[in-house]
């Protein structure tokens, strides 16, 4: 049985994978000159339905590390996430601890 940290890490990874699909679809349909794209919040709450807006550059910056995720403001879990940066539209967190970090690394769609 998964503990809550593993469950949150798996949820983050699923949202990240869906966002990769969204990014690919947006580039195919609308080209690279878009100002903002809407993505799913990549927090650990599997029931979260919040969306966030990122520029292409912001999205790619989050994806530079397999342990970083883009989330809605105040959706971080201070027991497992470290806030790397925040702006009015979204926050970037890093999953730094134990099994959650390993899951983030292993499930990186860009590896």
N, C-alpha and C. Protein backbone atom coordinates (compact mmCIF):
# COMPACT_ATOMS: atom_id res chain seq x y z
N UNK A 1 0.84 -1.18 0.00
CA UNK A 1 0.00 0.00 0.00
C UNK A 1 0.89 1.25 0.00
N UNK A 2 0.52 2.23 -0.82
CA UNK A 2 1.29 3.46 -0.92
C UNK A 2 1.03 4.36 0.27
N UNK A 3 2.09 4.98 0.79
CA UNK A 3 1.86 5.99 1.81
C UNK A 3 1.51 7.30 1.10
N UNK A 4 1.12 8.31 1.86
CA UNK A 4 0.64 9.56 1.26
C UNK A 4 1.69 10.25 0.41
N UNK A 5 2.96 10.13 0.79
CA UNK A 5 4.03 10.78 0.01
C UNK A 5 4.16 10.16 -1.38
N UNK A 6 4.11 8.84 -1.42
CA UNK A 6 4.19 8.15 -2.70
C UNK A 6 2.97 8.45 -3.57
N UNK A 7 1.80 8.49 -2.96
CA UNK A 7 0.57 8.79 -3.69
C UNK A 7 0.65 10.20 -4.29
N UNK A 8 1.10 11.18 -3.49
CA UNK A 8 1.25 12.54 -4.00
C UNK A 8 2.27 12.60 -5.13
N UNK A 9 3.38 11.90 -4.99
CA UNK A 9 4.41 11.90 -6.03
C UNK A 9 3.87 11.29 -7.33
N UNK A 10 3.10 10.24 -7.22
CA UNK A 10 2.51 9.63 -8.42
C UNK A 10 1.50 10.57 -9.06
N UNK A 11 0.71 11.27 -8.24
CA UNK A 11 -0.24 12.25 -8.78
C UNK A 11 0.51 13.36 -9.52
N UNK A 12 1.58 13.87 -8.93
CA UNK A 12 2.38 14.92 -9.59
C UNK A 12 2.90 14.43 -10.94
N UNK A 13 3.35 13.20 -10.97
CA UNK A 13 3.91 12.64 -12.21
C UNK A 13 2.84 12.48 -13.28
N UNK A 14 1.64 12.08 -12.89
CA UNK A 14 0.53 11.95 -13.85
C UNK A 14 0.18 13.31 -14.43
N UNK A 15 0.05 14.34 -13.57
CA UNK A 15 -0.26 15.68 -14.06
C UNK A 15 0.84 16.20 -14.98
N UNK A 16 2.10 15.92 -14.63
CA UNK A 16 3.22 16.35 -15.48
C UNK A 16 3.12 15.69 -16.86
N UNK A 17 2.80 14.41 -16.89
CA UNK A 17 2.68 13.70 -18.16
C UNK A 17 1.54 14.27 -19.01
N UNK A 18 0.42 14.58 -18.37
CA UNK A 18 -0.69 15.20 -19.09
C UNK A 18 -0.30 16.57 -19.63
N UNK A 19 0.46 17.33 -18.85
CA UNK A 19 0.90 18.65 -19.30
C UNK A 19 1.87 18.56 -20.47
N UNK A 20 2.68 17.53 -20.51
CA UNK A 20 3.56 17.33 -21.65
C UNK A 20 2.72 17.10 -22.91
N UNK A 21 1.65 16.34 -22.78
CA UNK A 21 0.75 16.10 -23.90
C UNK A 21 0.09 17.42 -24.32
N UNK A 22 -0.38 18.21 -23.35
CA UNK A 22 -1.00 19.50 -23.64
C UNK A 22 -0.03 20.39 -24.40
N UNK A 23 1.22 20.46 -23.94
CA UNK A 23 2.23 21.29 -24.61
C UNK A 23 2.42 20.84 -26.06
N UNK A 24 2.57 19.54 -26.26
CA UNK A 24 2.76 19.02 -27.62
C UNK A 24 1.56 19.35 -28.52
N UNK A 25 0.36 19.17 -27.99
CA UNK A 25 -0.85 19.47 -28.76
C UNK A 25 -0.95 20.95 -29.11
N UNK A 26 -0.66 21.81 -28.14
CA UNK A 26 -0.72 23.25 -28.39
C UNK A 26 0.29 23.68 -29.45
N UNK A 27 1.48 23.12 -29.41
CA UNK A 27 2.48 23.46 -30.42
C UNK A 27 2.06 22.99 -31.80
N UNK A 28 1.47 21.80 -31.86
CA UNK A 28 1.02 21.26 -33.13
C UNK A 28 -0.14 22.09 -33.70
N UNK A 29 -1.09 22.43 -32.86
CA UNK A 29 -2.30 23.12 -33.32
C UNK A 29 -2.10 24.61 -33.52
N UNK A 30 -1.33 25.26 -32.63
CA UNK A 30 -1.27 26.72 -32.63
C UNK A 30 0.11 27.30 -32.91
N UNK A 31 1.12 26.47 -33.04
CA UNK A 31 2.47 26.95 -33.31
C UNK A 31 3.19 27.41 -32.05
N UNK A 32 4.39 27.88 -32.22
CA UNK A 32 5.25 28.23 -31.09
C UNK A 32 5.09 29.67 -30.61
N UNK A 33 4.31 30.49 -31.29
CA UNK A 33 4.23 31.91 -30.96
C UNK A 33 3.09 32.26 -30.03
N UNK A 34 2.75 31.38 -29.12
CA UNK A 34 1.66 31.64 -28.18
C UNK A 34 2.21 32.38 -26.97
N UNK A 35 1.42 33.28 -26.40
CA UNK A 35 1.86 34.02 -25.22
C UNK A 35 1.77 33.14 -23.97
N UNK A 36 0.60 32.57 -23.70
CA UNK A 36 0.38 31.74 -22.51
C UNK A 36 -0.39 30.48 -22.90
N UNK A 37 -0.05 29.40 -22.25
CA UNK A 37 -0.82 28.17 -22.37
C UNK A 37 -1.39 27.80 -21.02
N UNK A 38 -2.53 27.13 -21.03
CA UNK A 38 -3.16 26.65 -19.79
C UNK A 38 -2.72 25.21 -19.56
N UNK A 39 -2.31 24.94 -18.32
CA UNK A 39 -1.88 23.61 -17.92
C UNK A 39 -2.62 23.20 -16.66
N UNK A 40 -2.51 21.94 -16.33
CA UNK A 40 -3.07 21.42 -15.09
C UNK A 40 -2.11 21.69 -13.95
N UNK A 41 -2.63 22.01 -12.79
CA UNK A 41 -1.80 22.12 -11.60
C UNK A 41 -1.17 20.76 -11.34
N UNK A 42 0.12 20.74 -11.08
CA UNK A 42 0.85 19.49 -10.86
C UNK A 42 1.07 19.19 -9.38
N UNK A 43 0.13 19.64 -8.55
CA UNK A 43 0.26 19.37 -7.12
C UNK A 43 -0.03 17.89 -6.84
N UNK A 44 0.18 17.47 -5.63
CA UNK A 44 0.00 16.08 -5.26
C UNK A 44 -1.42 15.66 -4.98
N UNK A 45 -2.36 16.60 -5.02
CA UNK A 45 -3.77 16.29 -4.76
C UNK A 45 -4.41 15.74 -6.03
N UNK A 46 -4.70 14.46 -6.03
CA UNK A 46 -5.27 13.81 -7.20
C UNK A 46 -6.62 14.35 -7.61
N UNK A 47 -7.32 15.04 -6.72
CA UNK A 47 -8.64 15.61 -7.02
C UNK A 47 -8.56 17.07 -7.47
N UNK A 48 -7.37 17.64 -7.55
CA UNK A 48 -7.21 19.04 -7.93
C UNK A 48 -7.65 19.24 -9.38
N UNK A 49 -8.42 20.29 -9.59
CA UNK A 49 -8.88 20.62 -10.94
C UNK A 49 -8.45 22.04 -11.36
N UNK A 50 -7.52 22.61 -10.64
CA UNK A 50 -7.05 23.97 -10.95
C UNK A 50 -6.22 23.96 -12.23
N UNK A 51 -6.32 25.06 -12.95
CA UNK A 51 -5.45 25.24 -14.10
C UNK A 51 -4.53 26.42 -13.83
N UNK A 52 -3.39 26.42 -14.50
CA UNK A 52 -2.40 27.46 -14.36
C UNK A 52 -1.96 27.90 -15.75
N UNK A 53 -1.45 29.11 -15.87
CA UNK A 53 -0.99 29.63 -17.16
C UNK A 53 0.51 29.86 -17.10
N UNK A 54 1.21 29.35 -18.11
CA UNK A 54 2.65 29.53 -18.21
C UNK A 54 3.01 29.89 -19.64
N UNK A 55 4.06 30.70 -19.80
CA UNK A 55 4.62 30.92 -21.13
C UNK A 55 5.41 29.67 -21.50
N UNK A 56 5.77 29.56 -22.75
CA UNK A 56 6.59 28.44 -23.19
C UNK A 56 7.92 28.40 -22.46
N UNK A 57 8.53 29.57 -22.27
CA UNK A 57 9.82 29.64 -21.57
C UNK A 57 9.67 29.19 -20.11
N UNK A 58 8.62 29.65 -19.45
CA UNK A 58 8.38 29.25 -18.05
C UNK A 58 8.19 27.75 -17.95
N UNK A 59 7.41 27.19 -18.87
CA UNK A 59 7.17 25.75 -18.84
C UNK A 59 8.47 24.99 -19.01
N UNK A 60 9.28 25.41 -19.96
CA UNK A 60 10.56 24.72 -20.21
C UNK A 60 11.51 24.87 -19.03
N UNK A 61 11.46 26.01 -18.33
CA UNK A 61 12.29 26.20 -17.15
C UNK A 61 11.92 25.21 -16.05
N UNK A 62 10.61 25.01 -15.85
CA UNK A 62 10.17 24.02 -14.85
C UNK A 62 10.67 22.62 -15.25
N UNK A 63 10.63 22.32 -16.53
CA UNK A 63 11.01 20.98 -17.00
C UNK A 63 12.52 20.74 -17.00
N UNK A 64 13.34 21.74 -16.62
CA UNK A 64 14.79 21.52 -16.61
C UNK A 64 15.22 20.50 -15.57
N UNK A 65 14.38 20.27 -14.57
CA UNK A 65 14.69 19.27 -13.55
C UNK A 65 13.50 18.32 -13.41
N UNK A 66 13.75 17.02 -13.40
CA UNK A 66 12.64 16.06 -13.27
C UNK A 66 11.96 16.08 -11.90
N UNK A 67 12.53 16.80 -10.95
CA UNK A 67 11.92 16.87 -9.63
C UNK A 67 11.16 18.19 -9.40
N UNK A 68 11.06 19.02 -10.45
CA UNK A 68 10.32 20.28 -10.33
C UNK A 68 8.95 20.16 -10.98
N UNK A 69 7.98 20.84 -10.38
CA UNK A 69 6.60 20.81 -10.86
C UNK A 69 6.00 22.21 -10.78
N UNK A 70 5.07 22.51 -11.69
CA UNK A 70 4.35 23.79 -11.69
C UNK A 70 2.99 23.56 -11.03
N UNK A 71 2.69 24.40 -10.05
CA UNK A 71 1.44 24.22 -9.29
C UNK A 71 0.71 25.55 -9.13
N UNK A 72 -0.56 25.47 -8.78
CA UNK A 72 -1.32 26.67 -8.43
C UNK A 72 -0.75 27.23 -7.12
N UNK A 73 -0.92 28.52 -6.93
CA UNK A 73 -0.42 29.18 -5.72
C UNK A 73 -1.04 28.51 -4.48
N UNK A 74 -0.22 28.28 -3.48
CA UNK A 74 -0.61 27.67 -2.20
C UNK A 74 -1.04 26.21 -2.30
N UNK A 75 -0.64 25.52 -3.36
CA UNK A 75 -0.95 24.09 -3.47
C UNK A 75 0.22 23.21 -3.04
N UNK A 76 1.28 23.81 -2.57
CA UNK A 76 2.43 23.00 -2.13
C UNK A 76 2.11 22.30 -0.81
N UNK A 77 2.79 21.20 -0.61
CA UNK A 77 2.72 20.49 0.67
C UNK A 77 4.05 20.72 1.36
N UNK A 78 4.07 21.51 2.44
CA UNK A 78 5.35 21.85 3.08
C UNK A 78 6.09 20.64 3.66
N UNK A 79 5.41 19.53 3.81
CA UNK A 79 6.07 18.33 4.33
C UNK A 79 6.86 17.60 3.26
N UNK A 80 6.56 17.87 1.99
CA UNK A 80 7.27 17.14 0.93
C UNK A 80 7.78 18.03 -0.19
N UNK A 81 7.33 19.28 -0.28
CA UNK A 81 7.70 20.16 -1.38
C UNK A 81 8.49 21.37 -0.88
N UNK A 82 9.40 21.81 -1.71
CA UNK A 82 10.15 23.04 -1.47
C UNK A 82 9.77 24.03 -2.57
N UNK A 83 9.27 25.21 -2.21
CA UNK A 83 8.91 26.23 -3.20
C UNK A 83 10.20 26.85 -3.74
N UNK A 84 10.39 26.72 -5.04
CA UNK A 84 11.57 27.25 -5.72
C UNK A 84 11.34 28.69 -6.14
N UNK A 85 10.15 28.95 -6.69
CA UNK A 85 9.79 30.30 -7.12
C UNK A 85 8.28 30.42 -7.17
N UNK A 86 7.84 31.69 -7.22
CA UNK A 86 6.40 31.95 -7.25
C UNK A 86 6.16 33.26 -7.98
N UNK A 87 5.10 33.31 -8.76
CA UNK A 87 4.66 34.54 -9.40
C UNK A 87 3.14 34.60 -9.29
N UNK A 88 2.47 35.60 -9.78
CA UNK A 88 1.02 35.69 -9.59
C UNK A 88 0.22 34.56 -10.25
N UNK A 89 0.81 33.86 -11.24
CA UNK A 89 0.06 32.82 -11.96
C UNK A 89 0.31 31.41 -11.48
N UNK A 90 1.49 31.12 -10.93
CA UNK A 90 1.82 29.75 -10.52
C UNK A 90 3.05 29.75 -9.63
N UNK A 91 3.29 28.63 -8.99
CA UNK A 91 4.52 28.42 -8.21
C UNK A 91 5.26 27.23 -8.79
N UNK A 92 6.56 27.23 -8.62
CA UNK A 92 7.38 26.08 -8.99
C UNK A 92 7.88 25.45 -7.70
N UNK A 93 7.67 24.14 -7.59
CA UNK A 93 8.12 23.41 -6.41
C UNK A 93 9.12 22.35 -6.83
N UNK A 94 9.88 21.91 -5.85
CA UNK A 94 10.78 20.78 -6.06
C UNK A 94 10.45 19.73 -5.03
N UNK A 95 10.32 18.49 -5.50
CA UNK A 95 10.11 17.37 -4.62
C UNK A 95 11.49 16.85 -4.24
N UNK A 96 11.84 16.98 -2.98
CA UNK A 96 13.22 16.77 -2.56
C UNK A 96 13.44 15.54 -1.68
N UNK A 97 12.40 14.88 -1.25
CA UNK A 97 12.56 13.92 -0.17
C UNK A 97 12.25 12.48 -0.58
N UNK A 98 13.12 11.57 -0.19
CA UNK A 98 12.91 10.13 -0.22
C UNK A 98 12.28 9.54 -1.46
N UNK A 99 11.28 8.70 -1.22
CA UNK A 99 10.61 7.96 -2.28
C UNK A 99 9.94 8.88 -3.29
N UNK A 100 9.38 10.00 -2.83
CA UNK A 100 8.73 10.95 -3.74
C UNK A 100 9.73 11.47 -4.78
N UNK A 101 10.93 11.75 -4.35
CA UNK A 101 11.97 12.22 -5.27
C UNK A 101 12.32 11.14 -6.28
N UNK A 102 12.44 9.90 -5.81
CA UNK A 102 12.76 8.78 -6.70
C UNK A 102 11.66 8.56 -7.74
N UNK A 103 10.40 8.69 -7.32
CA UNK A 103 9.28 8.54 -8.25
C UNK A 103 9.32 9.63 -9.30
N UNK A 104 9.59 10.86 -8.89
CA UNK A 104 9.68 11.98 -9.83
C UNK A 104 10.78 11.73 -10.86
N UNK A 105 11.92 11.25 -10.40
CA UNK A 105 13.03 10.97 -11.31
C UNK A 105 12.69 9.82 -12.27
N UNK A 106 12.12 8.76 -11.75
CA UNK A 106 11.83 7.58 -12.56
C UNK A 106 10.72 7.82 -13.57
N UNK A 107 9.80 8.73 -13.26
CA UNK A 107 8.66 8.94 -14.15
C UNK A 107 8.85 10.13 -15.09
N UNK A 108 10.04 10.69 -15.14
CA UNK A 108 10.31 11.85 -15.99
C UNK A 108 10.06 11.50 -17.47
N UNK A 109 9.07 12.14 -18.11
CA UNK A 109 8.81 11.82 -19.51
C UNK A 109 9.91 12.28 -20.47
N UNK A 110 10.82 13.09 -20.01
CA UNK A 110 11.88 13.60 -20.87
C UNK A 110 13.22 12.86 -20.68
N UNK A 111 13.19 11.77 -19.95
CA UNK A 111 14.46 11.05 -19.73
C UNK A 111 14.71 10.02 -20.81
